[in-house]
Protein backbone atom coordinates (compact mmCIF):
# COMPACT_ATOMS: atom_id res chain seq x y z
CA MET A 1 0.05 0.00 -0.04
CA ASP A 2 1.35 3.32 -1.00
CA ASN A 3 1.83 5.55 2.02
CA GLN A 4 2.63 8.74 0.06
CA SER A 5 1.64 11.96 1.89
CA PRO A 6 -1.48 13.87 0.22
CA ILE A 7 0.64 16.95 0.19
CA CYS A 8 3.25 15.37 -2.09
CA GLY A 9 0.48 14.26 -4.58
CA GLY A 10 -0.59 10.88 -3.41
CA GLN A 11 -4.09 9.55 -3.10
CA HIS A 12 -5.95 11.62 -0.44
CA SER A 13 -8.39 10.15 1.79
CA LEU A 14 -11.94 11.43 2.39
CA GLU A 15 -11.17 12.69 5.93
CA GLN A 16 -8.50 15.12 4.83
CA PRO A 17 -8.67 17.62 2.03
CA TYR A 18 -6.27 17.86 -0.72
CA TYR A 19 -4.13 21.11 -1.15
CA ALA A 20 -1.48 21.78 -3.62
CA PRO A 21 1.91 22.71 -2.39
CA ASP A 22 1.36 26.24 -3.73
CA GLN A 23 -2.01 26.63 -1.99
CA TRP A 24 -0.86 25.55 1.45
CA PRO A 25 0.85 28.75 3.00
CA TYR A 26 0.89 27.55 6.77
CA GLN A 27 2.83 24.90 8.37
CA LYS A 28 1.03 21.39 8.76
CA GLN A 29 -0.94 21.33 11.94
CA SER A 30 -2.77 18.50 13.90
CA SER A 31 -6.22 17.42 12.77
CA MET A 32 -7.32 17.86 16.48
CA GLU A 33 -7.36 21.64 16.17
CA PRO A 34 -11.05 21.97 14.70
CA LEU A 35 -12.25 19.78 17.49
CA GLU A 36 -10.43 21.84 20.09
CA HIS A 37 -12.14 25.11 18.51
CA GLU A 38 -15.36 23.29 18.56
CA GLN A 39 -14.97 22.28 22.09
CA SER A 40 -13.99 25.95 23.11
CA GLN A 41 -17.23 27.22 21.43
CA GLN A 42 -19.32 24.87 23.54
CA VAL A 43 -17.90 25.97 26.77
CA ASN A 44 -20.32 28.79 27.12
CA TYR A 45 -23.50 26.54 27.03
CA VAL A 46 -24.64 24.88 30.28
CA MET A 47 -27.69 22.55 30.33
CA GLY A 48 -29.16 24.13 27.30
CA ALA A 49 -29.18 27.67 28.65
CA GLN A 50 -26.62 29.94 27.22
CA VAL A 51 -24.17 31.74 29.51
CA TYR A 52 -22.54 34.81 28.25
CA ARG A 53 -18.97 35.72 29.56
CA GLU A 54 -18.69 39.24 30.78
CA ASP A 55 -17.28 41.89 28.60
CA VAL A 56 -16.19 39.54 25.70
CA ASP A 57 -16.11 40.94 22.15
CA ILE A 58 -16.09 38.02 19.75
CA VAL A 59 -14.30 38.66 16.32
CA PRO A 60 -16.20 37.11 13.53
CA PRO A 61 -14.21 34.55 11.49
CA PRO A 62 -12.84 35.58 8.20
CA THR A 63 -14.83 34.59 4.91
CA THR A 64 -11.66 33.93 2.80
CA ARG A 65 -10.74 30.37 2.43
CA LYS A 66 -7.09 31.22 2.53
CA ALA A 67 -7.06 32.60 6.09
CA LYS A 68 -8.29 29.68 8.17
CA GLU A 69 -7.89 31.41 11.68
CA LYS A 70 -9.52 30.64 15.04
CA LYS A 71 -12.01 33.20 16.52
CA VAL A 72 -10.32 35.44 18.68
CA SER A 73 -11.83 37.01 21.78
CA HIS A 74 -10.45 40.08 23.19
CA ARG A 75 -11.34 40.46 27.06
CA GLY A 76 -11.42 44.02 28.28
CA GLY A 77 -10.80 45.01 31.98
CA GLY A 78 -13.36 44.54 34.80
CA PHE A 79 -16.29 46.85 35.02
CA SER A 80 -16.06 49.66 37.61
CA LYS A 81 -18.74 50.75 40.10
CA GLU A 82 -19.24 53.70 37.96
CA GLU A 83 -19.99 51.66 34.93
CA ASP A 84 -22.36 49.17 36.99
CA GLU A 85 -24.19 52.18 38.19
CA VAL A 86 -24.79 53.64 34.57
CA LEU A 87 -25.93 50.15 33.50
CA CYS A 88 -28.56 50.22 36.42
CA SER A 89 -29.56 53.59 35.43
CA ALA A 90 -29.88 52.48 31.86
CA PHE A 91 -32.08 49.63 32.92
CA LEU A 92 -34.42 51.99 34.96
CA ASN A 93 -34.56 54.59 32.12
CA VAL A 94 -34.91 52.65 29.01
CA GLY A 95 -38.18 51.54 27.99
CA LYS A 96 -40.33 53.26 30.67
CA ASP A 97 -42.96 53.85 28.03
CA PRO A 98 -45.15 50.60 28.16
CA ILE A 99 -46.21 50.99 24.74
CA THR A 100 -42.46 51.13 23.36
CA GLY A 101 -41.40 48.63 25.92
CA ALA A 102 -43.91 45.98 25.07
CA ASN A 103 -42.85 45.70 21.26
CA GLN A 104 -39.14 46.08 21.36
CA THR A 105 -36.95 43.09 20.54
CA ARG A 106 -34.34 41.76 22.76
CA GLY A 107 -31.59 43.22 20.49
CA GLY A 108 -33.37 46.45 20.24
CA TYR A 109 -33.66 46.71 23.95
CA TYR A 110 -30.08 46.17 24.61
CA LYS A 111 -29.11 48.42 21.73
CA ARG A 112 -31.02 51.19 23.55
CA MET A 113 -29.28 50.20 26.75
CA HIS A 114 -25.90 50.39 24.99
CA ASP A 115 -26.73 53.78 23.60
CA TYR A 116 -27.78 55.16 27.00
CA TYR A 117 -24.46 53.81 28.34
CA ASN A 118 -22.44 55.50 25.78
CA THR A 119 -24.21 58.75 26.41
CA PHE A 120 -23.61 58.65 30.29
CA LYS A 121 -20.53 56.27 30.37
CA PRO A 122 -17.55 57.28 32.64
CA GLU A 123 -14.47 58.80 30.92
CA GLY A 124 -12.43 56.25 29.40
CA SER A 125 -14.81 53.51 29.20
CA ASN A 126 -15.54 51.55 26.00
CA ARG A 127 -17.88 48.59 25.98
CA SER A 128 -19.58 46.77 23.35
CA GLN A 129 -23.24 45.99 23.31
CA LEU A 130 -22.46 42.35 23.96
CA ALA A 131 -20.35 43.19 26.94
CA ILE A 132 -23.29 45.46 28.23
CA GLN A 133 -25.62 42.63 27.74
CA ASN A 134 -23.48 40.09 29.50
CA ARG A 135 -22.48 42.39 32.41
CA TRP A 136 -26.23 43.32 33.01
CA GLY A 137 -27.28 39.59 33.00
CA THR A 138 -24.65 39.09 35.72
CA ILE A 139 -26.06 41.94 37.72
CA GLN A 140 -29.60 40.73 37.38
CA ARG A 141 -28.68 37.16 38.76
CA SER A 142 -26.54 38.32 41.66
CA VAL A 143 -28.87 41.17 42.70
CA SER A 144 -31.94 38.97 42.39
CA LYS A 145 -30.33 36.12 44.38
CA PHE A 146 -29.28 38.70 47.07
CA CYS A 147 -32.92 40.06 47.19
CA GLY A 148 -34.07 36.62 48.05
CA PHE A 149 -31.70 36.23 50.88
CA LYS A 150 -32.52 39.70 52.05
CA SER A 151 -36.20 38.80 52.14
CA ALA A 152 -35.57 35.57 54.05
CA VAL A 153 -33.65 37.71 56.70
CA ASP A 154 -36.45 40.19 56.77
CA ARG A 155 -39.12 37.59 57.36
CA ARG A 156 -37.30 36.18 60.33
CA ASN A 157 -37.80 39.73 62.06
CA GLU A 158 -35.02 39.13 64.69
CA SER A 159 -35.37 41.45 67.63
CA GLY A 160 -32.72 43.95 68.36
CA LYS A 161 -31.52 44.26 64.74
CA ASN A 162 -31.75 47.15 62.62
CA GLU A 163 -31.87 47.48 58.89
CA GLN A 164 -28.07 47.51 58.44
CA ASP A 165 -27.76 44.45 60.54
CA ARG A 166 -30.40 42.48 58.33
CA ILE A 167 -28.30 43.64 55.17
CA ASP A 168 -25.13 42.36 56.84
CA ASP A 169 -26.63 38.94 57.44
CA ALA A 170 -28.06 38.63 54.05
CA VAL A 171 -24.47 39.38 52.75
CA LYS A 172 -23.10 36.67 55.13
CA VAL A 173 -25.65 34.09 53.64
CA TYR A 174 -24.79 35.04 50.12
CA GLU A 175 -21.07 34.88 50.64
CA ALA A 176 -21.19 31.46 52.15
CA ARG A 177 -20.74 30.43 48.54
CA GLU A 178 -19.35 33.19 46.58
CA ALA A 179 -18.57 36.86 46.93
CA PHE A 180 -21.15 39.61 46.67
CA HIS A 181 -19.79 42.39 44.53
CA PHE A 182 -23.03 44.40 43.66
CA MET A 183 -24.02 45.97 46.71
CA HIS A 184 -24.00 49.50 44.90
CA CYS A 185 -26.05 48.00 42.31
CA TRP A 186 -28.76 46.58 44.97
CA LYS A 187 -28.66 50.11 46.58
CA MET A 188 -29.94 51.66 43.65
CA LEU A 189 -32.31 49.11 42.46
CA ARG A 190 -33.97 48.02 45.74
CA ASN A 191 -36.62 50.71 45.99
CA GLU A 192 -37.37 50.99 42.25
CA ALA A 193 -40.80 49.67 40.94
CA LYS A 194 -39.30 48.66 37.54
CA TRP A 195 -36.60 46.57 39.31
CA ASN A 196 -39.41 44.94 41.46
CA ASP A 197 -41.30 43.96 38.18
CA LYS A 198 -38.22 42.50 36.74
CA LEU A 199 -37.41 40.56 39.85
CA LEU A 200 -40.89 39.13 39.66
CA GLU A 201 -40.54 38.23 36.14
CA LEU A 202 -37.06 36.51 36.78
CA ASN A 203 -38.70 34.53 39.60
CA ASN A 204 -41.68 33.44 37.34
CA ASN A 205 -39.18 32.42 34.42
CA SER A 206 -36.95 30.50 36.91
CA ALA A 207 -40.07 28.62 38.46
CA GLY A 208 -41.56 27.94 34.99
CA THR A 209 -38.32 26.70 33.15
CA GLY A 210 -36.57 24.85 36.10
CA ALA A 211 -33.20 25.56 34.47
CA GLU A 212 -31.67 25.97 37.90
CA GLY A 213 -33.74 23.52 39.73
CA SER A 214 -31.22 20.87 39.96
CA SER A 215 -28.91 22.81 42.16
CA GLN A 216 -29.93 22.75 45.80
CA GLY A 217 -28.47 26.36 46.41
CA ASN A 218 -30.37 27.67 43.53
CA SER A 219 -33.62 25.86 44.48
CA GLY A 220 -33.32 27.40 47.86
CA HIS A 221 -32.85 30.84 46.16
CA ALA A 222 -36.13 30.29 44.13
CA ALA A 223 -38.14 29.21 47.20
CA LEU A 224 -36.89 32.45 49.04
CA LEU A 225 -37.88 34.62 46.04
CA GLU A 226 -41.33 32.85 45.88
CA GLY A 227 -41.88 33.54 49.52
CA ASP A 228 -41.05 37.17 49.05
CA ASN A 229 -43.21 37.61 46.09
CA GLU A 230 -46.27 36.50 47.96
CA ASN A 231 -45.77 39.39 50.39
CA SER A 232 -44.01 42.29 48.89
CA MET A 233 -43.84 41.80 44.95
CA PRO A 234 -45.81 44.54 43.03
CA ALA A 235 -48.47 43.84 40.40
CA ARG A 236 -47.84 42.60 36.77
CA PRO A 237 -46.32 45.40 34.58
CA GLU A 238 -48.69 47.28 32.50
CA GLY A 239 -49.19 45.92 29.04
CA ARG A 240 -49.46 47.75 25.58
CA ASP A 241 -53.31 47.63 25.24
CA SER A 242 -53.77 48.62 28.96
CA ALA A 243 -51.43 51.39 28.41
CA LYS A 244 -53.27 52.68 25.45
CA ARG A 245 -56.55 52.53 27.14
CA LYS A 246 -55.10 54.34 30.15
CA ARG A 247 -53.64 57.07 27.84
CA VAL A 248 -57.12 57.63 26.20
CA THR A 249 -58.65 57.59 29.62
CA ASP A 250 -55.99 60.14 30.82
CA THR A 251 -56.79 62.18 27.75
CA SER A 252 -60.31 62.29 28.40
CA SER A 253 -59.76 63.09 32.28
CA SER A 254 -57.28 65.66 31.23
CA ASN A 255 -59.83 67.43 28.92
CA THR A 256 -62.53 67.37 31.66
CA ALA A 257 -59.96 68.62 34.07
CA ALA A 258 -58.95 71.27 31.70
CA GLU A 259 -62.54 72.35 31.34
CA VAL A 260 -63.27 72.29 34.98
CA LEU A 261 -60.02 74.32 35.66
CA GLN A 262 -61.14 76.80 32.89
CA ARG A 263 -64.47 77.50 34.37
CA ILE A 264 -62.76 77.84 37.80
CA HIS A 265 -60.40 80.24 36.16
CA ASP A 266 -63.24 82.07 34.55
CA ASN A 267 -65.28 82.35 37.89
CA ARG A 268 -62.21 83.49 39.59
CA GLU A 269 -61.65 86.20 36.98
CA LYS A 270 -65.34 87.33 37.49
CA CYS A 271 -64.82 87.39 41.27
CA GLN A 272 -61.55 89.30 41.03
CA GLN A 273 -63.40 91.75 38.45
CA LYS A 274 -66.15 92.22 41.06
CA GLU A 275 -63.83 92.69 43.87
CA ASP A 276 -61.85 95.24 41.83
CA GLU A 277 -65.01 97.21 41.22
CA GLN A 278 -65.87 96.99 44.82
CA MET A 279 -62.33 98.19 45.77
CA VAL A 280 -62.74 101.10 43.24
CA GLN A 281 -65.83 102.12 44.77
CA ILE A 282 -64.53 101.98 48.27
CA LEU A 283 -61.46 104.06 47.26
CA THR A 284 -63.74 106.60 45.46
CA ARG A 285 -65.67 106.93 48.63
CA LYS A 286 -62.71 107.45 50.60
CA ASP A 287 -61.48 109.80 48.06
CA GLU A 288 -64.85 111.82 48.35
CA LYS A 289 -64.61 111.64 52.13
CA LEU A 290 -61.03 112.98 52.09
CA SER A 291 -62.00 115.79 49.62
CA ILE A 292 -64.92 116.89 51.96
CA GLN A 293 -62.52 116.77 54.94
CA ARG A 294 -60.07 118.93 53.05
CA GLU A 295 -62.66 121.46 52.10
CA PHE A 296 -63.92 121.60 55.57
CA LEU A 297 -60.34 122.33 56.97
CA GLU A 298 -59.86 124.83 54.26
CA LEU A 299 -63.18 126.52 55.38
CA LYS A 300 -61.87 126.38 59.01
CA ASN A 301 -58.65 128.03 58.02
CA GLN A 302 -60.37 130.59 55.86
CA GLU A 303 -62.65 131.59 58.86
CA ARG A 304 -59.71 131.66 61.01
CA GLU A 305 -57.92 133.96 58.75
CA ASP A 306 -60.98 136.05 58.30
CA LYS A 307 -61.25 136.36 62.13
CA ASN A 308 -57.67 137.30 62.39
CA GLN A 309 -57.98 139.89 59.46
CA GLU A 310 -61.19 141.29 61.08
CA ARG A 311 -59.44 141.43 64.36
CA GLU A 312 -56.61 143.38 62.86
CA GLU A 313 -58.91 145.86 60.94
CA ASN A 314 -60.67 146.37 64.16
CA LEU A 315 -57.52 147.18 66.03
CA VAL A 316 -56.58 149.61 63.22
CA LEU A 317 -59.97 151.16 63.44
CA ARG A 318 -59.70 151.45 67.16
CA LYS A 319 -56.17 152.97 66.86
CA GLN A 320 -57.48 155.43 64.27
CA GLU A 321 -60.42 156.38 66.45
CA ALA A 322 -57.99 156.75 69.42
CA GLU A 323 -55.81 159.01 67.35
CA ASN A 324 -58.75 161.07 66.11
CA VAL A 325 -59.99 161.30 69.77
CA ALA A 326 -56.45 162.42 70.71
CA LYS A 327 -56.15 164.89 68.08
CA GLN A 328 -59.87 166.28 68.83
CA ALA A 329 -58.71 166.57 72.42
CA GLU A 330 -55.53 168.29 71.55
CA ALA A 331 -57.56 170.68 69.24
CA GLN A 332 -60.00 171.54 72.09
CA LEU A 333 -57.00 171.84 74.50
CA LEU A 334 -55.17 174.22 72.05
CA SER A 335 -58.38 176.13 71.83
CA VAL A 336 -58.76 176.52 75.47
CA GLU A 337 -55.05 177.27 75.98
CA SER A 338 -55.19 179.99 73.30
CA GLN A 339 -58.16 181.56 74.99
CA ILE A 340 -56.27 181.37 78.26
CA MET A 341 -53.12 182.76 76.78
CA ALA A 342 -55.09 185.54 75.11
CA VAL A 343 -56.50 186.93 78.44
CA ASP A 344 -55.12 190.17 79.55
CA VAL A 345 -54.61 189.78 83.34
CA ASP A 346 -54.53 193.51 83.78
CA LYS A 347 -58.14 193.69 82.74
CA VAL A 348 -59.49 190.64 84.85
CA ALA A 349 -60.93 190.90 88.14
CA PRO A 350 -58.15 190.98 90.83
CA HIS A 351 -59.09 187.72 92.23
CA LEU A 352 -58.77 185.93 88.90
CA LYS A 353 -55.45 187.71 88.04
CA ASN A 354 -53.22 184.98 89.61
CA TYR A 355 -55.12 182.07 88.23
CA TYR A 356 -54.77 183.35 84.67
CA ILE A 357 -51.04 184.32 85.15
CA GLY A 358 -50.33 180.65 86.65
CA MET A 359 -52.25 178.94 83.90
CA GLN A 360 -50.42 180.79 81.21
CA LEU A 361 -47.11 180.02 82.90
CA GLN A 362 -47.98 176.09 82.84
CA ILE A 363 -49.12 176.29 79.14
CA ALA A 364 -45.82 178.02 78.07
CA GLU A 365 -43.75 175.33 79.97
CA ARG A 366 -45.81 172.49 78.31
CA ARG A 367 -45.43 173.93 74.98
CA GLY A 368 -41.67 174.29 75.19
CA PHE A 369 -41.73 178.10 75.45
CA ALA A 370 -39.40 179.98 77.84
CA SER A 371 -41.23 181.31 80.71
CA SER A 372 -42.02 184.95 80.53
CA ALA A 373 -44.05 187.38 82.45
CA PRO A 374 -47.70 187.06 81.68
CA ASN A 375 -49.56 189.87 79.95
CA GLY A 376 -49.64 192.83 82.44
CA SER A 377 -47.53 191.19 84.87
CA ASP A 378 -44.76 193.71 84.59
CA ARG A 379 -47.19 196.48 85.30
CA HIS A 380 -47.01 196.25 89.11
């Protein structure tokens, strides 16, 4: 039997293809390599459920026949807490509209999460959509498992323990088998209604498929989640038809509310207008009252001024009268004095002579004349 190699032009078998010497650019390799490549591709499948590696970017194989190379995966660095928090925020913010969220595909949903992540990612972060999808799957599984342990600890209701003590106990239960690295994610998701809806969905899927039922630890986790759902899980997430009906109802209610508000606004405007008119009337009356009071004060002042003027005029008149009386008295006095001064003392009776002489002397002194002998006095 001829044992010539197929490379050298011998007869080739069905198991190994034939290549001409000028068509084989690489060294001869073992025929086990394709099997090893197939085995490496099957590592990520466990019990029929696909398990994604975190942050793995798969490079598609080349299409040319000449470049027969293995698929190469490039694993990036581990996710930071900041990146995990952006992922949790993406879950809470993407697909909040029930109408949009109910119709989007799995790929479309994770594409929106990836777009949200790229918008708010930390500086220097560069993650593919597959890495985002795998990381979020890991966060969901770990946090939902921790929620089950936390609910079991809460139901024990041990006395003397506060909330932080119960959280520490749940961490101890979780870390009895593996470390819990997503406390920061749990703190972001624990009080969010959308996460509680997702937790209920994960629990229902786990109970229906039984994919993790073969593991005793995972079965205990599902039981914890079932017990917690009976007590604290929210209602079923709102569907598309329900959301549309609610939107129509809300629109009708909004229109009715708008009409009611418009009527209230109109009535308020009427009341405000009436109040303004009443206020104008009150202010007008106040102005009229103030005007009357002002006129009254002006009259009082005018009356006072008139009285003062009248008093002054009376004083002037009295003064003039006094002056006139004084002038008349002076005139009468001058007339009498003139008569006395004109008396010839020599011709009067002897008993009146001294009287006239004395009176003449007084008149002369009062009038500022030098005293001189009266008429006929030098005749002694």
